[in-house]
C-alpha cells in the first residue's frame, strides 16, 4: 500500500504511521470529517485468506472513497484507521481463524482521510471443511454504541501504548 500524500486529503490533515501485523507500515493522513453510514444500505466485501479484497459492492466503493479497481486486490487493512486499537483486529483474526463469526464496531479510514463507522460482521467462508476466505457485511451502527466504542478504544490504545505492544503509532 502506498503512503497517503497531503494532496490526497482536502484541507489540513494529521499524519500517522499505521503498523500492521506483518511488520509493514504505512503513512496515513486523517481528518475529522465523518461520512455517515447511509440508512438502509449494507456494505459487503469478500477477501481471500490473506485479507485481500476479492469482491466489493457499490456501497463499499462509495463509503471508502476508493474506486472498485483500487479496492479489488488491495488488502482490507487499507481502511485501517489509526484510532482503532490493535486488540480489536487481533480478536477479529483469532475469531475468524477459528471458523467463527466476529462482530464489532469499526472506525474505517476513507481514501480522503475522513472516516466512517460501521457495525461489522465477518464470516469465514468454509468449503469442504476448510476456510477459503471471508465475507464481511457492515451495517449502520448505533450512534450510542459508536460513542461507547470510541471511549473504549481510547482506553485500549492507551493500554497498547507500550512500545512492544503498540500497532499504531501517531
Protein backbone atom coordinates (compact mmCIF):
# COMPACT_ATOMS: atom_id res chain seq x y z
CA UNK A 1 0.00 0.00 0.00
CA UNK A 2 1.28 3.39 -0.80
CA UNK A 3 1.62 6.13 1.79
CA UNK A 4 -1.04 8.81 1.74
CA UNK A 5 0.13 12.18 0.49
CA UNK A 6 -1.03 15.64 1.64
CA UNK A 7 -2.71 16.17 -1.74
CA UNK A 8 -4.92 13.11 -1.03
CA UNK A 9 -6.65 15.00 1.77
CA UNK A 10 -8.79 18.11 1.34
CA UNK A 11 -7.67 20.73 3.83
CA UNK A 12 -5.50 20.13 6.87
CA UNK A 13 -4.85 16.54 7.93
CA UNK A 14 -2.88 14.83 10.67
CA UNK A 15 -0.20 12.30 9.62
CA UNK A 16 0.13 8.94 11.42
CA UNK A 17 2.18 5.81 10.91
CA UNK A 18 -0.01 2.70 10.95
CA UNK A 19 1.86 -0.55 11.66
CA UNK A 20 0.39 -3.86 10.53
CA UNK A 21 0.75 -7.38 11.93
CA UNK A 22 3.02 -8.41 9.04
CA UNK A 23 5.54 -5.76 10.11
CA UNK A 24 4.78 -3.34 7.29
CA UNK A 25 3.83 0.25 7.92
CA UNK A 26 2.03 3.00 6.05
CA UNK A 27 1.70 6.75 6.49
CA UNK A 28 -1.94 7.80 6.60
CA UNK A 29 -3.34 11.30 6.94
CA UNK A 30 -6.58 11.71 8.84
CA UNK A 31 -9.17 14.46 9.09
CA UNK A 32 -12.06 14.92 11.48
CA UNK A 33 -14.62 14.64 8.65
CA UNK A 34 -17.09 11.80 9.24
CA UNK A 35 -19.19 10.34 6.45
CA UNK A 36 -22.36 8.94 8.00
CA UNK A 37 -23.40 5.44 7.03
CA UNK A 38 -26.25 5.54 4.51
CA UNK A 39 -29.54 4.46 6.04
CA UNK A 40 -30.89 1.19 4.70
CA UNK A 41 -27.70 0.08 2.93
CA UNK A 42 -25.20 -2.67 3.60
CA UNK A 43 -21.51 -2.67 2.76
CA UNK A 44 -20.44 -6.11 1.55
CA UNK A 45 -17.00 -7.40 0.64
CA UNK A 46 -15.16 -10.68 0.37
CA UNK A 47 -11.49 -11.39 0.92
CA UNK A 48 -9.10 -14.27 0.48
CA UNK A 49 -7.33 -15.84 3.45
CA UNK A 50 -4.75 -13.04 3.48
CA UNK A 51 -7.38 -10.31 3.70
CA UNK A 52 -7.05 -9.28 0.06
CA UNK A 53 -10.31 -7.86 -1.28
CA UNK A 54 -11.82 -10.11 -3.97
CA UNK A 55 -15.34 -8.61 -4.17
CA UNK A 56 -16.98 -5.37 -3.06
CA UNK A 57 -20.39 -3.82 -3.59
CA UNK A 58 -21.21 -0.28 -4.69
CA UNK A 59 -21.89 0.92 -1.12
CA UNK A 60 -18.36 -0.12 -0.15
CA UNK A 61 -16.92 1.77 -3.11
CA UNK A 62 -18.89 4.93 -2.21
CA UNK A 63 -18.16 4.85 1.53
CA UNK A 64 -14.44 4.08 1.17
CA UNK A 65 -13.77 6.77 -1.42
CA UNK A 66 -11.71 4.31 -3.48
CA UNK A 67 -12.67 3.07 -6.93
CA UNK A 68 -13.66 -0.58 -7.34
CA UNK A 69 -10.43 -1.10 -9.30
CA UNK A 70 -8.37 0.30 -6.41
CA UNK A 71 -10.16 -1.90 -3.85
CA UNK A 72 -10.00 -5.21 -5.71
CA UNK A 73 -6.64 -6.80 -4.98
CA UNK A 74 -5.88 -4.41 -2.11
CA UNK A 75 -5.58 -5.58 1.49
CA UNK A 76 -8.69 -4.85 3.57
CA UNK A 77 -6.36 -3.11 6.01
CA UNK A 78 -6.22 -0.22 3.53
CA UNK A 79 -9.19 1.02 5.60
CA UNK A 80 -7.36 0.78 8.94
CA UNK A 81 -7.91 3.99 10.88
CA UNK A 82 -5.18 4.80 13.42
CA UNK A 83 -7.85 5.27 16.11
CA UNK A 84 -8.60 1.52 16.01
CA UNK A 85 -6.81 -0.47 18.74
CA UNK A 86 -4.59 -3.40 17.80
CA UNK A 87 -6.55 -5.71 20.10
CA UNK A 88 -9.75 -5.25 18.08
CA UNK A 89 -8.12 -6.67 14.94
CA UNK A 90 -6.28 -9.35 16.89
CA UNK A 91 -9.63 -10.50 18.27
CA UNK A 92 -11.18 -10.41 14.79
CA UNK A 93 -8.40 -12.53 13.23
CA UNK A 94 -8.31 -15.01 16.11
CA UNK A 95 -12.09 -15.47 15.97
CA UNK A 96 -12.43 -15.91 12.20
CA UNK A 97 -9.33 -18.12 12.01
CA UNK A 98 -11.15 -20.46 14.40
CA UNK A 99 -14.02 -20.59 11.90
CA UNK A 100 -16.31 -18.40 14.00
CA UNK A 101 -18.30 -15.25 13.22
CA UNK A 102 -16.94 -11.91 14.56
CA UNK A 103 -18.93 -8.72 15.08
CA UNK A 104 -17.85 -5.34 16.31
CA UNK A 105 -17.76 -1.60 15.81
CA UNK A 106 -15.05 -0.39 13.44
CA UNK A 107 -13.87 3.11 12.52
CA UNK A 108 -12.72 2.94 8.91
CA UNK A 109 -10.38 5.31 7.10
CA UNK A 110 -11.58 6.79 3.82
CA UNK A 111 -9.30 7.48 0.90
CA UNK A 112 -9.66 11.23 1.55
CA UNK A 113 -8.54 10.92 5.19
CA UNK A 114 -12.07 11.12 6.59
CA UNK A 115 -13.71 8.24 8.38
CA UNK A 116 -16.92 6.25 8.76
CA UNK A 117 -18.16 3.94 11.49
CA UNK A 118 -19.70 0.55 10.79
CA UNK A 119 -21.08 -2.38 12.72
CA UNK A 120 -19.18 -5.17 11.02
CA UNK A 121 -19.86 -8.90 10.92
CA UNK A 122 -17.13 -11.06 9.42
CA UNK A 123 -17.96 -14.65 8.50
CA UNK A 124 -15.42 -17.27 7.41
CA UNK A 125 -16.24 -18.90 4.05
CA UNK A 126 -15.83 -22.62 4.69
CA UNK A 127 -15.68 -25.04 1.76
CA UNK A 128 -15.02 -28.74 2.26
CA UNK A 129 -14.19 -28.12 5.92
CA UNK A 130 -11.52 -25.54 5.07
CA UNK A 131 -11.65 -21.77 5.46
CA UNK A 132 -11.13 -20.33 1.97
CA UNK A 133 -11.82 -16.65 2.62
CA UNK A 134 -14.06 -14.25 4.49
CA UNK A 135 -17.24 -12.29 3.88
CA UNK A 136 -17.81 -9.01 5.69
CA UNK A 137 -21.18 -7.30 5.96
CA UNK A 138 -21.26 -3.84 7.51
CA UNK A 139 -24.39 -2.01 8.53
CA UNK A 140 -25.37 1.30 10.04
CA UNK A 141 -24.06 1.46 13.60
CA UNK A 142 -25.98 2.68 16.61
CA UNK A 143 -24.66 6.15 17.50
CA UNK A 144 -24.89 5.25 21.20
CA UNK A 145 -22.73 2.16 20.58
CA UNK A 146 -20.27 4.21 18.49
CA UNK A 147 -19.87 6.66 21.39
CA UNK A 148 -19.21 3.74 23.76
CA UNK A 149 -16.74 2.16 21.30
CA UNK A 150 -14.85 5.47 20.92
CA UNK A 151 -14.35 5.67 24.69
CA UNK A 152 -13.36 2.01 24.94
CA UNK A 153 -10.90 2.29 22.03
CA UNK A 154 -9.21 5.33 23.61
CA UNK A 155 -8.59 3.24 26.74
CA UNK A 156 -7.41 0.24 24.71
CA UNK A 157 -4.96 2.36 22.66
CA UNK A 158 -3.61 3.91 25.86
CA UNK A 159 -3.01 0.38 27.21
CA UNK A 160 -1.27 -0.55 23.96
CA UNK A 161 1.00 2.49 24.07
CA UNK A 162 3.90 0.44 25.44
CA UNK A 163 6.36 0.21 22.50
CA UNK A 164 6.39 -3.60 22.36
CA UNK A 165 2.60 -3.84 22.16
CA UNK A 166 1.70 -0.83 20.01
CA UNK A 167 0.46 -1.39 16.48
CA UNK A 168 -0.43 2.19 15.70
CA UNK A 169 1.99 4.99 16.32
CA UNK A 170 0.74 8.51 15.94
